[in-house]
Amino acid sequence: MANIKYKVCVLTVTYANRWQFLEQVLKRVLSFEQVTHIVVADNASVYSVKDNVALMGDNRVVVLANAENTGSAGGINKL
C-alpha cells in the first residue's frame, strides 16, 4: 500500500466581532497534523485578527486583511 502524506490548506473568512467562533475553528484545524497552512481573510473585523492570531503562536496561520467587508466571495476573491 502506498504511503500517501496529505497536506491540507484551510481557508476561512471572518468579519465584525467573531473571534470566539474563529478561535474555535483555528484551534480545531490546527490540531490536525495534515493542516500545513491556514489563511484567514479578515473582512474588516472590529478587532485585530492578526494580533489575536499571533497570540496563538502558530506560524501556519496567515491573515489577509480587507479594509471593508466584501462578503464571503469578496474575502475569498482577495486571495
PDB file of N, CA and C in Angstrom:
ATOM      1  N   MET A   1       0.840  -1.182   0.000  1.00  0.00           N
ATOM      2  CA  MET A   1       0.000   0.000   0.000  1.00  0.00           C
ATOM      3  C   MET A   1       0.884   1.245   0.000  1.00  0.00           C
ATOM      4  N   ALA A   2       0.471   2.238  -0.751  1.00  0.00           N
ATOM      5  CA  ALA A   2       1.236   3.479  -0.864  1.00  0.00           C
ATOM      6  C   ALA A   2       1.198   4.260   0.451  1.00  0.00           C
ATOM      7  N   ASN A   3       2.311   4.908   0.749  1.00  0.00           N
ATOM      8  CA  ASN A   3       2.404   5.750   1.945  1.00  0.00           C
ATOM      9  C   ASN A   3       2.148   7.202   1.516  1.00  0.00           C
ATOM     10  N   ILE A   4       0.885   7.584   1.455  1.00  0.00           N
ATOM     11  CA  ILE A   4       0.496   8.915   0.989  1.00  0.00           C
ATOM     12  C   ILE A   4       0.436   9.863   2.180  1.00  0.00           C
ATOM     13  N   LYS A   5       1.105  11.002   2.056  1.00  0.00           N
ATOM     14  CA  LYS A   5       1.065  12.026   3.098  1.00  0.00           C
ATOM     15  C   LYS A   5       0.315  13.232   2.536  1.00  0.00           C
ATOM     16  N   TYR A   6      -0.773  13.566   3.186  1.00  0.00           N
ATOM     17  CA  TYR A   6      -1.606  14.659   2.725  1.00  0.00           C
ATOM     18  C   TYR A   6      -1.165  15.968   3.339  1.00  0.00           C
ATOM     19  N   LYS A   7      -1.293  17.034   2.571  1.00  0.00           N
ATOM     20  CA  LYS A   7      -1.087  18.384   3.057  1.00  0.00           C
ATOM     21  C   LYS A   7      -2.380  19.138   2.774  1.00  0.00           C
ATOM     22  N   VAL A   8      -2.879  19.814   3.786  1.00  0.00           N
ATOM     23  CA  VAL A   8      -4.163  20.497   3.671  1.00  0.00           C
ATOM     24  C   VAL A   8      -3.977  21.970   3.988  1.00  0.00           C
ATOM     25  N   CYS A   9      -4.574  22.821   3.155  1.00  0.00           N
ATOM     26  CA  CYS A   9      -4.627  24.253   3.397  1.00  0.00           C
ATOM     27  C   CYS A   9      -6.082  24.612   3.689  1.00  0.00           C
ATOM     28  N   VAL A  10      -6.303  25.327   4.783  1.00  0.00           N
ATOM     29  CA  VAL A  10      -7.647  25.723   5.191  1.00  0.00           C
ATOM     30  C   VAL A  10      -7.823  27.209   4.908  1.00  0.00           C
ATOM     31  N   LEU A  11      -8.963  27.560   4.349  1.00  0.00           N
ATOM     32  CA  LEU A  11      -9.299  28.957   4.084  1.00  0.00           C
ATOM     33  C   LEU A  11     -10.588  29.275   4.814  1.00  0.00           C
ATOM     34  N   THR A  12     -10.596  30.384   5.561  1.00  0.00           N
ATOM     35  CA  THR A  12     -11.818  30.818   6.227  1.00  0.00           C
ATOM     36  C   THR A  12     -11.914  32.337   6.164  1.00  0.00           C
ATOM     37  N   VAL A  13     -13.131  32.822   6.258  1.00  0.00           N
ATOM     38  CA  VAL A  13     -13.391  34.262   6.214  1.00  0.00           C
ATOM     39  C   VAL A  13     -14.022  34.666   7.537  1.00  0.00           C
ATOM     40  N   THR A  14     -13.615  35.829   8.065  1.00  0.00           N
ATOM     41  CA  THR A  14     -14.212  36.340   9.292  1.00  0.00           C
ATOM     42  C   THR A  14     -14.539  37.817   9.123  1.00  0.00           C
ATOM     43  N   TYR A  15     -15.369  38.328  10.024  1.00  0.00           N
ATOM     44  CA  TYR A  15     -15.785  39.730   9.973  1.00  0.00           C
ATOM     45  C   TYR A  15     -16.296  40.148  11.345  1.00  0.00           C
ATOM     46  N   ALA A  16     -16.558  41.426  11.496  1.00  0.00           N
ATOM     47  CA  ALA A  16     -17.180  42.010  12.694  1.00  0.00           C
ATOM     48  C   ALA A  16     -16.449  41.600  13.969  1.00  0.00           C
ATOM     49  N   ASN A  17     -17.188  41.082  14.942  1.00  0.00           N
ATOM     50  CA  ASN A  17     -16.627  40.699  16.237  1.00  0.00           C
ATOM     51  C   ASN A  17     -16.897  39.216  16.466  1.00  0.00           C
ATOM     52  N   ARG A  18     -16.210  38.370  15.695  1.00  0.00           N
ATOM     53  CA  ARG A  18     -16.485  36.930  15.725  1.00  0.00           C
ATOM     54  C   ARG A  18     -15.281  36.112  16.181  1.00  0.00           C
ATOM     55  N   TRP A  19     -14.423  36.709  17.014  1.00  0.00           N
ATOM     56  CA  TRP A  19     -13.219  35.998  17.440  1.00  0.00           C
ATOM     57  C   TRP A  19     -13.545  34.678  18.125  1.00  0.00           C
ATOM     58  N   GLN A  20     -14.581  34.644  18.966  1.00  0.00           N
ATOM     59  CA  GLN A  20     -14.881  33.403  19.698  1.00  0.00           C
ATOM     60  C   GLN A  20     -15.151  32.245  18.740  1.00  0.00           C
ATOM     61  N   PHE A  21     -15.729  32.527  17.588  1.00  0.00           N
ATOM     62  CA  PHE A  21     -16.000  31.474  16.595  1.00  0.00           C
ATOM     63  C   PHE A  21     -14.739  31.139  15.802  1.00  0.00           C
ATOM     64  N   LEU A  22     -14.027  32.173  15.380  1.00  0.00           N
ATOM     65  CA  LEU A  22     -12.797  31.959  14.614  1.00  0.00           C
ATOM     66  C   LEU A  22     -11.778  31.193  15.449  1.00  0.00           C
ATOM     67  N   GLU A  23     -11.648  31.539  16.706  1.00  0.00           N
ATOM     68  CA  GLU A  23     -10.701  30.850  17.581  1.00  0.00           C
ATOM     69  C   GLU A  23     -11.021  29.361  17.678  1.00  0.00           C
ATOM     70  N   GLN A  24     -12.281  29.009  17.798  1.00  0.00           N
ATOM     71  CA  GLN A  24     -12.682  27.597  17.859  1.00  0.00           C
ATOM     72  C   GLN A  24     -12.277  26.863  16.584  1.00  0.00           C
ATOM     73  N   VAL A  25     -12.542  27.494  15.449  1.00  0.00           N
ATOM     74  CA  VAL A  25     -12.198  26.877  14.160  1.00  0.00           C
ATOM     75  C   VAL A  25     -10.687  26.687  14.058  1.00  0.00           C
ATOM     76  N   LEU A  26      -9.937  27.735  14.382  1.00  0.00           N
ATOM     77  CA  LEU A  26      -8.485  27.654  14.264  1.00  0.00           C
ATOM     78  C   LEU A  26      -7.909  26.580  15.180  1.00  0.00           C
ATOM     79  N   LYS A  27      -8.340  26.539  16.423  1.00  0.00           N
ATOM     80  CA  LYS A  27      -7.826  25.524  17.348  1.00  0.00           C
ATOM     81  C   LYS A  27      -8.105  24.115  16.840  1.00  0.00           C
ATOM     82  N   ARG A  28      -9.286  23.919  16.301  1.00  0.00           N
ATOM     83  CA  ARG A  28      -9.651  22.578  15.810  1.00  0.00           C
ATOM     84  C   ARG A  28      -8.808  22.172  14.609  1.00  0.00           C
ATOM     85  N   VAL A  29      -8.703  23.034  13.620  1.00  0.00           N
ATOM     86  CA  VAL A  29      -7.958  22.641  12.420  1.00  0.00           C
ATOM     87  C   VAL A  29      -6.456  22.570  12.681  1.00  0.00           C
ATOM     88  N   LEU A  30      -5.959  23.364  13.634  1.00  0.00           N
ATOM     89  CA  LEU A  30      -4.536  23.279  13.990  1.00  0.00           C
ATOM     90  C   LEU A  30      -4.194  21.964  14.683  1.00  0.00           C
ATOM     91  N   SER A  31      -5.201  21.280  15.184  1.00  0.00           N
ATOM     92  CA  SER A  31      -4.951  20.003  15.863  1.00  0.00           C
ATOM     93  C   SER A  31      -4.663  18.869  14.876  1.00  0.00           C
ATOM     94  N   PHE A  32      -4.897  19.095  13.592  1.00  0.00           N
ATOM     95  CA  PHE A  32      -4.642  18.070  12.575  1.00  0.00           C
ATOM     96  C   PHE A  32      -3.258  18.274  11.975  1.00  0.00           C
ATOM     97  N   GLU A  33      -2.422  17.245  12.039  1.00  0.00           N
ATOM     98  CA  GLU A  33      -1.057  17.369  11.524  1.00  0.00           C
ATOM     99  C   GLU A  33      -1.017  17.571  10.009  1.00  0.00           C
ATOM    100  N   GLN A  34      -2.068  17.164   9.303  1.00  0.00           N
ATOM    101  CA  GLN A  34      -2.100  17.328   7.850  1.00  0.00           C
ATOM    102  C   GLN A  34      -2.274  18.791   7.434  1.00  0.00           C
ATOM    103  N   VAL A  35      -2.780  19.626   8.338  1.00  0.00           N
ATOM    104  CA  VAL A  35      -3.003  21.047   8.023  1.00  0.00           C
ATOM    105  C   VAL A  35      -1.662  21.763   8.086  1.00  0.00           C
ATOM    106  N   THR A  36      -1.212  22.213   6.915  1.00  0.00           N
ATOM    107  CA  THR A  36       0.087  22.881   6.831  1.00  0.00           C
ATOM    108  C   THR A  36      -0.033  24.391   6.722  1.00  0.00           C
ATOM    109  N   HIS A  37      -1.191  24.882   6.286  1.00  0.00           N
ATOM    110  CA  HIS A  37      -1.417  26.320   6.144  1.00  0.00           C
ATOM    111  C   HIS A  37      -2.871  26.643   6.454  1.00  0.00           C
ATOM    112  N   ILE A  38      -3.076  27.794   7.071  1.00  0.00           N
ATOM    113  CA  ILE A  38      -4.426  28.316   7.281  1.00  0.00           C
ATOM    114  C   ILE A  38      -4.396  29.773   6.851  1.00  0.00           C
ATOM    115  N   VAL A  39      -5.325  30.139   5.989  1.00  0.00           N
ATOM    116  CA  VAL A  39      -5.437  31.518   5.531  1.00  0.00           C
ATOM    117  C   VAL A  39      -6.759  32.069   6.042  1.00  0.00           C
ATOM    118  N   VAL A  40      -6.680  33.181   6.765  1.00  0.00           N
ATOM    119  CA  VAL A  40      -7.863  33.851   7.275  1.00  0.00           C
ATOM    120  C   VAL A  40      -8.036  35.150   6.496  1.00  0.00           C
ATOM    121  N   ALA A  41      -9.159  35.272   5.806  1.00  0.00           N
ATOM    122  CA  ALA A  41      -9.498  36.518   5.128  1.00  0.00           C
ATOM    123  C   ALA A  41     -10.304  37.359   6.119  1.00  0.00           C
ATOM    124  N   ASP A  42      -9.728  38.452   6.574  1.00  0.00           N
ATOM    125  CA  ASP A  42     -10.353  39.337   7.556  1.00  0.00           C
ATOM    126  C   ASP A  42     -11.129  40.418   6.815  1.00  0.00           C
ATOM    127  N   ASN A  43     -12.446  40.326   6.875  1.00  0.00           N
ATOM    128  CA  ASN A  43     -13.322  41.297   6.211  1.00  0.00           C
ATOM    129  C   ASN A  43     -13.695  42.419   7.178  1.00  0.00           C
ATOM    130  N   ALA A  44     -12.721  43.269   7.483  1.00  0.00           N
ATOM    131  CA  ALA A  44     -12.922  44.473   8.296  1.00  0.00           C
ATOM    132  C   ALA A  44     -13.481  44.164   9.680  1.00  0.00           C
ATOM    133  N   SER A  45     -12.836  43.232  10.390  1.00  0.00           N
ATOM    134  CA  SER A  45     -13.247  42.930  11.762  1.00  0.00           C
ATOM    135  C   SER A  45     -13.044  44.160  12.642  1.00  0.00           C
ATOM    136  N   VAL A  46     -13.767  44.204  13.763  1.00  0.00           N
ATOM    137  CA  VAL A  46     -13.681  45.359  14.668  1.00  0.00           C
ATOM    138  C   VAL A  46     -12.550  45.198  15.688  1.00  0.00           C
ATOM    139  N   TYR A  47     -11.801  44.126  15.606  1.00  0.00           N
ATOM    140  CA  TYR A  47     -10.656  43.874  16.474  1.00  0.00           C
ATOM    141  C   TYR A  47      -9.496  43.459  15.576  1.00  0.00           C
ATOM    142  N   SER A  48      -8.311  43.362  16.125  1.00  0.00           N
ATOM    143  CA  SER A  48      -7.153  42.966  15.335  1.00  0.00           C
ATOM    144  C   SER A  48      -7.058  41.439  15.250  1.00  0.00           C
ATOM    145  N   VAL A  49      -7.486  40.923  14.130  1.00  0.00           N
ATOM    146  CA  VAL A  49      -7.399  39.476  13.911  1.00  0.00           C
ATOM    147  C   VAL A  49      -5.931  39.048  13.935  1.00  0.00           C
ATOM    148  N   LYS A  50      -5.059  39.838  13.306  1.00  0.00           N
ATOM    149  CA  LYS A  50      -3.630  39.498  13.273  1.00  0.00           C
ATOM    150  C   LYS A  50      -3.051  39.393  14.673  1.00  0.00           C
ATOM    151  N   ASP A  51      -3.390  40.322  15.554  1.00  0.00           N
ATOM    152  CA  ASP A  51      -2.867  40.280  16.923  1.00  0.00           C
ATOM    153  C   ASP A  51      -3.374  39.051  17.668  1.00  0.00           C
ATOM    154  N   ASN A  52      -4.653  38.752  17.538  1.00  0.00           N
ATOM    155  CA  ASN A  52      -5.217  37.577  18.222  1.00  0.00           C
ATOM    156  C   ASN A  52      -4.600  36.290  17.699  1.00  0.00           C
ATOM    157  N   VAL A  53      -4.415  36.199  16.408  1.00  0.00           N
ATOM    158  CA  VAL A  53      -3.807  35.003  15.810  1.00  0.00           C
ATOM    159  C   VAL A  53      -2.352  34.884  16.269  1.00  0.00           C
ATOM    160  N   ALA A  54      -1.649  36.008  16.340  1.00  0.00           N
ATOM    161  CA  ALA A  54      -0.250  35.985  16.787  1.00  0.00           C
ATOM    162  C   ALA A  54      -0.133  35.429  18.205  1.00  0.00           C
ATOM    163  N   LEU A  55      -1.103  35.738  19.053  1.00  0.00           N
ATOM    164  CA  LEU A  55      -1.088  35.240  20.423  1.00  0.00           C
ATOM    165  C   LEU A  55      -1.238  33.718  20.483  1.00  0.00           C
ATOM    166  N   MET A  56      -1.793  33.131  19.435  1.00  0.00           N
ATOM    167  CA  MET A  56      -1.932  31.673  19.386  1.00  0.00           C
ATOM    168  C   MET A  56      -0.572  31.003  19.183  1.00  0.00           C
ATOM    169  N   GLY A  57       0.380  31.747  18.610  1.00  0.00           N
ATOM    170  CA  GLY A  57       1.743  31.255  18.473  1.00  0.00           C
ATOM    171  C   GLY A  57       1.954  30.139  17.465  1.00  0.00           C
ATOM    172  N   ASP A  58       1.170  30.104  16.411  1.00  0.00           N
ATOM    173  CA  ASP A  58       1.341  29.070  15.397  1.00  0.00           C
ATOM    174  C   ASP A  58       1.552  29.746  14.044  1.00  0.00           C
ATOM    175  N   ASN A  59       2.719  29.522  13.460  1.00  0.00           N
ATOM    176  CA  ASN A  59       3.066  30.220  12.215  1.00  0.00           C
ATOM    177  C   ASN A  59       2.408  29.634  10.969  1.00  0.00           C
ATOM    178  N   ARG A  60       1.533  28.652  11.128  1.00  0.00           N
ATOM    179  CA  ARG A  60       0.809  28.122   9.968  1.00  0.00           C
ATOM    180  C   ARG A  60      -0.345  29.028   9.561  1.00  0.00           C
ATOM    181  N   VAL A  61      -0.687  30.010  10.405  1.00  0.00           N
ATOM    182  CA  VAL A  61      -1.840  30.871  10.147  1.00  0.00           C
ATOM    183  C   VAL A  61      -1.375  32.202   9.561  1.00  0.00           C
ATOM    184  N   VAL A  62      -1.970  32.569   8.422  1.00  0.00           N
ATOM    185  CA  VAL A  62      -1.705  33.840   7.765  1.00  0.00           C
ATOM    186  C   VAL A  62      -3.020  34.608   7.688  1.00  0.00           C
ATOM    187  N   VAL A  63      -2.971  35.899   8.007  1.00  0.00           N
ATOM    188  CA  VAL A  63      -4.170  36.735   7.957  1.00  0.00           C
ATOM    189  C   VAL A  63      -4.010  37.750   6.837  1.00  0.00           C
ATOM    190  N   LEU A  64      -5.006  37.811   5.955  1.00  0.00           N
ATOM    191  CA  LEU A  64      -5.055  38.821   4.902  1.00  0.00           C
ATOM    192  C   LEU A  64      -6.232  39.739   5.207  1.00  0.00           C
ATOM    193  N   ALA A  65      -5.959  41.022   5.350  1.00  0.00           N
ATOM    194  CA  ALA A  65      -6.987  41.960   5.794  1.00  0.00           C
ATOM    195  C   ALA A  65      -7.592  42.749   4.642  1.00  0.00           C
ATOM    196  N   ASN A  66      -8.916  42.858   4.664  1.00  0.00           N
ATOM    197  CA  ASN A  66      -9.655  43.740   3.760  1.00  0.00           C
ATOM    198  C   ASN A  66     -10.058  44.985   4.544  1.00  0.00           C
ATOM    199  N   ALA A  67     -10.007  46.142   3.926  1.00  0.00           N
ATOM    200  CA  ALA A  67     -10.380  47.391   4.593  1.00  0.00           C
ATOM    201  C   ALA A  67     -11.887  47.495   4.804  1.00  0.00           C
ATOM    202  N   GLU A  68     -12.641  46.751   3.998  1.00  0.00           N
ATOM    203  CA  GLU A  68     -14.102  46.750   4.142  1.00  0.00           C
ATOM    204  C   GLU A  68     -14.615  45.327   4.006  1.00  0.00           C
ATOM    205  N   ASN A  69     -15.814  45.107   4.524  1.00  0.00           N
ATOM    206  CA  ASN A  69     -16.425  43.787   4.428  1.00  0.00           C
ATOM    207  C   ASN A  69     -16.954  43.593   3.013  1.00  0.00           C
ATOM    208  N   THR A  70     -16.323  42.697   2.293  1.00  0.00           N
ATOM    209  CA  THR A  70     -16.701  42.444   0.901  1.00  0.00           C
ATOM    210  C   THR A  70     -17.517  41.157   0.763  1.00  0.00           C
ATOM    211  N   GLY A  71     -17.959  40.615   1.886  1.00  0.00           N
ATOM    212  CA  GLY A  71     -18.731  39.366   1.855  1.00  0.00           C
ATOM    213  C   GLY A  71     -17.831  38.170   1.689  1.00  0.00           C
ATOM    214  N   SER A  72     -18.407  36.990   1.801  1.00  0.00           N
ATOM    215  CA  SER A  72     -17.606  35.761   1.701  1.00  0.00           C
ATOM    216  C   SER A  72     -16.883  35.656   0.373  1.00  0.00           C
ATOM    217  N   ALA A  73     -17.588  35.883  -0.706  1.00  0.00           N
ATOM    218  CA  ALA A  73     -16.978  35.774  -2.033  1.00  0.00           C
ATOM    219  C   ALA A  73     -15.884  36.805  -2.219  1.00  0.00           C
ATOM    220  N   GLY A  74     -16.104  38.014  -1.741  1.00  0.00           N
ATOM    221  CA  GLY A  74     -15.092  39.060  -1.853  1.00  0.00           C
ATOM    222  C   GLY A  74     -13.871  38.746  -1.023  1.00  0.00           C
ATOM    223  N   GLY A  75     -14.081  38.202   0.175  1.00  0.00           N
ATOM    224  CA  GLY A  75     -12.965  37.828   1.028  1.00  0.00           C
ATOM    225  C   GLY A  75     -12.130  36.725   0.415  1.00  0.00           C
ATOM    226  N   ILE A  76     -12.780  35.744  -0.148  1.00  0.00           N
ATOM    227  CA  ILE A  76     -12.063  34.638  -0.790  1.00  0.00           C
ATOM    228  C   ILE A  76     -11.388  35.118  -2.069  1.00  0.00           C
ATOM    229  N   ASN A  77     -12.061  35.998  -2.818  1.00  0.00           N
ATOM    230  CA  ASN A  77     -11.509  36.508  -4.071  1.00  0.00           C
ATOM    231  C   ASN A  77     -10.227  37.297  -3.834  1.00  0.00           C
ATOM    232  N   LYS A  78     -10.101  37.893  -2.662  1.00  0.00           N
ATOM    233  CA  LYS A  78      -8.891  38.657  -2.328  1.00  0.00           C
ATOM    234  C   LYS A  78      -7.660  37.770  -2.410  1.00  0.00           C
ATOM    235  N   LEU A  79      -7.857  36.495  -2.116  1.00  0.00           N
ATOM    236  CA  LEU A  79      -6.732  35.581  -2.106  1.00  0.00           C
ATOM    237  C   LEU A  79      -6.279  35.302  -3.513  1.00  0.00           C
TER     238      LEU A  79
END
